[in-house]
């Protein structure tokens, strides 16, 4: 049972960092750090407090 909890903790940490952290100013690395240090549930709050990165508009190709 304990191994299932660790797998869920790691999966939650990865999902928060990958899908929320990359889109925010806090970034992937810091969101991963906070999720590992605290919990993924508290990491979500920290990531959501961080402002969003404006979307990158690629220049038109000729």
Foldseek 3Di string as FASTA:
>chain_A
DVVVVVVVQVVLLQCCLVPQQCQFPCHSVNLSVVCVVPNSVVSNVVSVVGHGDPDDDDDDDD
